[in-house]
Amino acid sequence: MILQFIKYIFVGGLGSLVFVIIGNIAALIVSPMLATFIAYVFSGITGYLLQMKITFQAQAKHLQMGWKYISLTLIMLGYGEIITYSGTELGIKYVIVNFFITVTVPLFSFPLQKFWVYK
C-alpha cells in the first residue's frame, strides 16, 4: 500500500501540474471560475487514465469506473469552485488559491479512488 501511495503522489503530481499550468494560463484569458473548470477537465482526464494504469493497475472498465471517477471529479470541482470563489472574493491571488486546491484535494481523493473508483 505504501508503494501504491507513492505512485499515487507521483501520478497525482503530474495531474496537479496539468491543473496548475492549465488553470493559470486559462486565468489569463477567462475568469478564475472558468479557469478552474477548464483545469479540472484537463487534469481529470489525465488523472483518470494515469491513476487507472499506473497507480491502481485496474482493468479498463470505463462503464463502471468512469462514472465513479466523474462523480468524484464533480465533487472535487465543486470544492475547487467554492475555494476559488471564496479566495478571489477575499482578494487572494488566483495562483495562491490554485495552489491551495492542488495541495488539499489529494487528502480525500486517494481513499475514494482506492476503495471506490478503482476497487
Protein backbone atom coordinates (compact mmCIF):
# COMPACT_ATOMS: atom_id res chain seq x y z
CA MET A 1 0.00 0.00 0.00
CA ILE A 2 2.92 2.38 0.67
CA LEU A 3 4.27 1.82 -2.85
CA GLN A 4 0.79 2.45 -4.21
CA PHE A 5 0.54 5.71 -2.27
CA ILE A 6 3.95 6.79 -3.62
CA LYS A 7 2.72 6.05 -7.15
CA TYR A 8 -0.47 7.98 -6.37
CA ILE A 9 1.54 11.00 -5.23
CA PHE A 10 3.77 10.86 -8.32
CA VAL A 11 0.90 10.43 -10.77
CA GLY A 12 -1.17 12.95 -8.82
CA GLY A 13 1.75 15.33 -9.09
CA LEU A 14 1.59 15.05 -12.87
CA GLY A 15 -2.16 15.67 -12.79
CA SER A 16 -1.64 18.58 -10.41
CA LEU A 17 0.99 20.01 -12.70
CA VAL A 18 -1.53 19.88 -15.55
CA PHE A 19 -4.10 21.54 -13.26
CA VAL A 20 -1.76 24.34 -12.22
CA ILE A 21 -0.42 25.07 -15.71
CA ILE A 22 -3.78 24.96 -17.48
CA GLY A 23 -5.53 26.84 -14.66
CA ASN A 24 -3.02 29.66 -14.55
CA ILE A 25 -2.85 30.00 -18.34
CA ALA A 26 -6.64 29.95 -18.61
CA ALA A 27 -6.93 32.54 -15.82
CA LEU A 28 -5.07 34.97 -18.06
CA ILE A 29 -7.80 34.61 -20.68
CA VAL A 30 -11.04 33.81 -18.82
CA SER A 31 -12.49 34.28 -15.33
CA PRO A 32 -10.92 32.40 -12.41
CA MET A 33 -14.08 30.28 -12.05
CA LEU A 34 -13.94 29.18 -15.70
CA ALA A 35 -10.18 28.68 -15.44
CA THR A 36 -10.67 26.27 -12.54
CA PHE A 37 -13.32 24.36 -14.52
CA ILE A 38 -11.08 24.08 -17.59
CA ALA A 39 -8.13 22.97 -15.45
CA TYR A 40 -10.27 20.26 -13.81
CA VAL A 41 -11.36 18.91 -17.20
CA PHE A 42 -7.79 18.52 -18.44
CA SER A 43 -6.33 17.25 -15.17
CA GLY A 44 -9.33 14.95 -14.67
CA ILE A 45 -8.76 13.13 -17.95
CA THR A 46 -5.04 12.90 -17.27
CA GLY A 47 -5.58 11.70 -13.69
CA TYR A 48 -8.20 9.09 -14.58
CA LEU A 49 -6.08 7.41 -17.21
CA LEU A 50 -2.77 7.56 -15.34
CA GLN A 51 -4.17 6.51 -11.95
CA MET A 52 -6.02 3.61 -13.57
CA LYS A 53 -2.96 2.32 -15.45
CA ILE A 54 -0.05 3.19 -13.16
CA THR A 55 -1.25 3.54 -9.56
CA PHE A 56 -4.16 1.13 -9.21
CA GLN A 57 -3.33 -1.08 -12.23
CA ALA A 58 -7.04 -1.55 -12.84
CA GLN A 59 -8.54 -3.13 -15.89
CA ALA A 60 -10.20 -0.54 -18.10
CA LYS A 61 -13.86 -0.93 -17.06
CA HIS A 62 -14.84 2.55 -18.15
CA LEU A 63 -18.58 2.00 -17.71
CA GLN A 64 -18.07 1.04 -14.06
CA MET A 65 -15.10 3.19 -13.11
CA GLY A 66 -15.74 6.12 -15.41
CA TRP A 67 -18.97 7.30 -13.79
CA LYS A 68 -17.42 6.95 -10.33
CA TYR A 69 -14.41 8.99 -11.38
CA ILE A 70 -16.64 11.62 -12.99
CA SER A 71 -18.67 11.79 -9.76
CA LEU A 72 -15.52 12.22 -7.71
CA THR A 73 -14.25 14.84 -10.15
CA LEU A 74 -17.53 16.76 -9.86
CA ILE A 75 -17.21 16.73 -6.07
CA MET A 76 -13.62 17.98 -6.36
CA LEU A 77 -14.72 20.58 -8.92
CA GLY A 78 -17.41 21.85 -6.54
CA TYR A 79 -14.84 22.05 -3.77
CA GLY A 80 -12.42 23.84 -6.09
CA GLU A 81 -15.03 26.33 -7.26
CA ILE A 82 -16.05 27.13 -3.67
CA ILE A 83 -12.41 27.72 -2.72
CA THR A 84 -11.83 29.74 -5.91
CA TYR A 85 -14.87 31.93 -5.31
CA SER A 86 -14.10 32.42 -1.62
CA GLY A 87 -10.43 33.12 -2.16
CA THR A 88 -10.87 35.56 -5.01
CA GLU A 89 -13.66 37.36 -3.15
CA LEU A 90 -11.22 37.82 -0.27
CA GLY A 91 -8.69 39.28 -2.69
CA ILE A 92 -6.30 36.32 -2.63
CA LYS A 93 -4.34 35.93 -5.87
CA TYR A 94 -5.51 33.08 -8.07
CA VAL A 95 -2.05 31.47 -8.06
CA ILE A 96 -2.30 31.00 -4.28
CA VAL A 97 -5.90 29.77 -4.46
CA ASN A 98 -4.92 27.32 -7.20
CA PHE A 99 -2.00 26.04 -5.10
CA PHE A 100 -4.26 25.53 -2.06
CA ILE A 101 -6.71 23.46 -4.12
CA THR A 102 -3.86 21.41 -5.58
CA VAL A 103 -2.45 20.56 -2.14
CA THR A 104 -5.73 19.75 -0.35
CA VAL A 105 -7.64 17.69 -2.94
CA PRO A 106 -5.42 14.56 -2.65
CA LEU A 107 -6.21 14.26 1.07
CA PHE A 108 -9.70 12.98 0.33
CA SER A 109 -9.19 11.86 -3.25
CA PHE A 110 -6.78 8.94 -2.61
CA PRO A 111 -9.02 6.89 -0.31
CA LEU A 112 -12.04 7.46 -2.55
CA GLN A 113 -10.12 6.35 -5.61
CA LYS A 114 -8.57 3.33 -3.90
CA PHE A 115 -11.69 1.99 -2.21
CA TRP A 116 -14.43 3.16 -4.54
CA VAL A 117 -13.40 4.19 -8.05
CA TYR A 118 -10.76 1.58 -8.88
CA LYS A 119 -11.89 -1.13 -6.45
